[in-house]
């Protein structure tokens, strides 16, 4: 669902468990949202929290694009 987010997580060594701890959810929930197992992705406030904490130099629209170069 979020190929750019996945790529940046790999680049910076951020794990789903890190994002889960930040958001107060389980790693399974993060995996579900990232792999289209749920119909609802990250809420705007959670997306901003992820970006601000781990990827502040990346535009929100780019980080959470659902396809490369196409924002949600």
C-alpha atoms as a PDB file:
ATOM      1  CA  UNK A   1       0.000   0.000   0.000  1.00  0.00           C
ATOM      2  CA  UNK A   2       2.835   2.401   0.794  1.00  0.00           C
ATOM      3  CA  UNK A   3       5.888   1.487  -1.328  1.00  0.00           C
ATOM      4  CA  UNK A   4       7.729   4.718  -0.524  1.00  0.00           C
ATOM      5  CA  UNK A   5       7.239   4.256   3.208  1.00  0.00           C
ATOM      6  CA  UNK A   6       8.474   0.676   2.952  1.00  0.00           C
ATOM      7  CA  UNK A   7      11.536   1.789   0.980  1.00  0.00           C
ATOM      8  CA  UNK A   8      12.401   4.523   3.472  1.00  0.00           C
ATOM      9  CA  UNK A   9      11.951   2.141   6.385  1.00  0.00           C
ATOM     10  CA  UNK A  10      14.480  -0.193   4.785  1.00  0.00           C
ATOM     11  CA  UNK A  11      16.847   2.672   3.994  1.00  0.00           C
ATOM     12  CA  UNK A  12      16.832   3.954   7.585  1.00  0.00           C
ATOM     13  CA  UNK A  13      16.495   0.617   9.381  1.00  0.00           C
ATOM     14  CA  UNK A  14      13.070   1.408  10.807  1.00  0.00           C
ATOM     15  CA  UNK A  15      11.059  -1.694  11.683  1.00  0.00           C
ATOM     16  CA  UNK A  16       7.299  -2.141  11.903  1.00  0.00           C
ATOM     17  CA  UNK A  17       7.754  -2.721  15.637  1.00  0.00           C
ATOM     18  CA  UNK A  18       9.294   0.777  15.921  1.00  0.00           C
ATOM     19  CA  UNK A  19       6.286   2.360  14.226  1.00  0.00           C
ATOM     20  CA  UNK A  20       3.926   0.200  16.281  1.00  0.00           C
ATOM     21  CA  UNK A  21       5.540   1.381  19.520  1.00  0.00           C
ATOM     22  CA  UNK A  22       5.308   5.009  18.374  1.00  0.00           C
ATOM     23  CA  UNK A  23       1.610   4.674  17.543  1.00  0.00           C
ATOM     24  CA  UNK A  24       0.616   2.416  20.430  1.00  0.00           C
ATOM     25  CA  UNK A  25      -0.546  -0.429  18.191  1.00  0.00           C
ATOM     26  CA  UNK A  26       0.705  -3.921  17.471  1.00  0.00           C
ATOM     27  CA  UNK A  27       3.301  -4.640  14.787  1.00  0.00           C
ATOM     28  CA  UNK A  28       0.644  -6.827  13.141  1.00  0.00           C
ATOM     29  CA  UNK A  29      -1.581  -3.772  12.725  1.00  0.00           C
ATOM     30  CA  UNK A  30       1.249  -1.849  11.082  1.00  0.00           C
ATOM     31  CA  UNK A  31       1.928  -4.764   8.719  1.00  0.00           C
ATOM     32  CA  UNK A  32      -1.776  -4.973   7.889  1.00  0.00           C
ATOM     33  CA  UNK A  33      -1.998  -1.295   7.025  1.00  0.00           C
ATOM     34  CA  UNK A  34       1.153  -1.446   4.935  1.00  0.00           C
ATOM     35  CA  UNK A  35       0.164  -4.553   2.984  1.00  0.00           C
ATOM     36  CA  UNK A  36      -3.457  -3.712   2.106  1.00  0.00           C
ATOM     37  CA  UNK A  37      -4.901  -6.304   4.482  1.00  0.00           C
ATOM     38  CA  UNK A  38      -7.115  -3.569   5.848  1.00  0.00           C
ATOM     39  CA  UNK A  39      -9.163  -1.186   3.743  1.00  0.00           C
ATOM     40  CA  UNK A  40      -8.137   1.759   5.889  1.00  0.00           C
ATOM     41  CA  UNK A  41      -4.564   3.013   5.902  1.00  0.00           C
ATOM     42  CA  UNK A  42      -2.929   5.243   8.470  1.00  0.00           C
ATOM     43  CA  UNK A  43      -4.994   8.188   9.685  1.00  0.00           C
ATOM     44  CA  UNK A  44      -3.624  11.631   8.907  1.00  0.00           C
ATOM     45  CA  UNK A  45      -2.501  12.254  12.484  1.00  0.00           C
ATOM     46  CA  UNK A  46      -0.662   8.921  12.612  1.00  0.00           C
ATOM     47  CA  UNK A  47       0.920   9.490   9.207  1.00  0.00           C
ATOM     48  CA  UNK A  48       2.166  12.886  10.385  1.00  0.00           C
ATOM     49  CA  UNK A  49       3.522  11.347  13.593  1.00  0.00           C
ATOM     50  CA  UNK A  50       5.429   8.690  11.616  1.00  0.00           C
ATOM     51  CA  UNK A  51       6.828  11.266   9.200  1.00  0.00           C
ATOM     52  CA  UNK A  52       7.777  13.786  11.892  1.00  0.00           C
ATOM     53  CA  UNK A  53       9.486  11.142  14.033  1.00  0.00           C
ATOM     54  CA  UNK A  54      11.362   9.101  11.451  1.00  0.00           C
ATOM     55  CA  UNK A  55      11.355  10.902   8.090  1.00  0.00           C
ATOM     56  CA  UNK A  56      11.076  14.679   8.670  1.00  0.00           C
ATOM     57  CA  UNK A  57      12.826  15.597   5.422  1.00  0.00           C
ATOM     58  CA  UNK A  58      10.283  13.743   3.250  1.00  0.00           C
ATOM     59  CA  UNK A  59       6.999  15.307   2.154  1.00  0.00           C
ATOM     60  CA  UNK A  60       3.993  13.549   3.634  1.00  0.00           C
ATOM     61  CA  UNK A  61       2.438  13.147   0.186  1.00  0.00           C
ATOM     62  CA  UNK A  62       5.545  11.397  -1.101  1.00  0.00           C
ATOM     63  CA  UNK A  63       6.058   9.155   1.907  1.00  0.00           C
ATOM     64  CA  UNK A  64       2.473   7.903   1.942  1.00  0.00           C
ATOM     65  CA  UNK A  65       1.890   7.693  -1.802  1.00  0.00           C
ATOM     66  CA  UNK A  66       0.058   4.480  -2.594  1.00  0.00           C
ATOM     67  CA  UNK A  67       2.039   4.068  -5.816  1.00  0.00           C
ATOM     68  CA  UNK A  68       5.374   5.535  -6.764  1.00  0.00           C
ATOM     69  CA  UNK A  69       4.913   9.222  -7.616  1.00  0.00           C
ATOM     70  CA  UNK A  70       1.134   9.168  -7.002  1.00  0.00           C
ATOM     71  CA  UNK A  71      -0.095  10.594  -3.702  1.00  0.00           C
ATOM     72  CA  UNK A  72      -3.122   9.128  -1.935  1.00  0.00           C
END
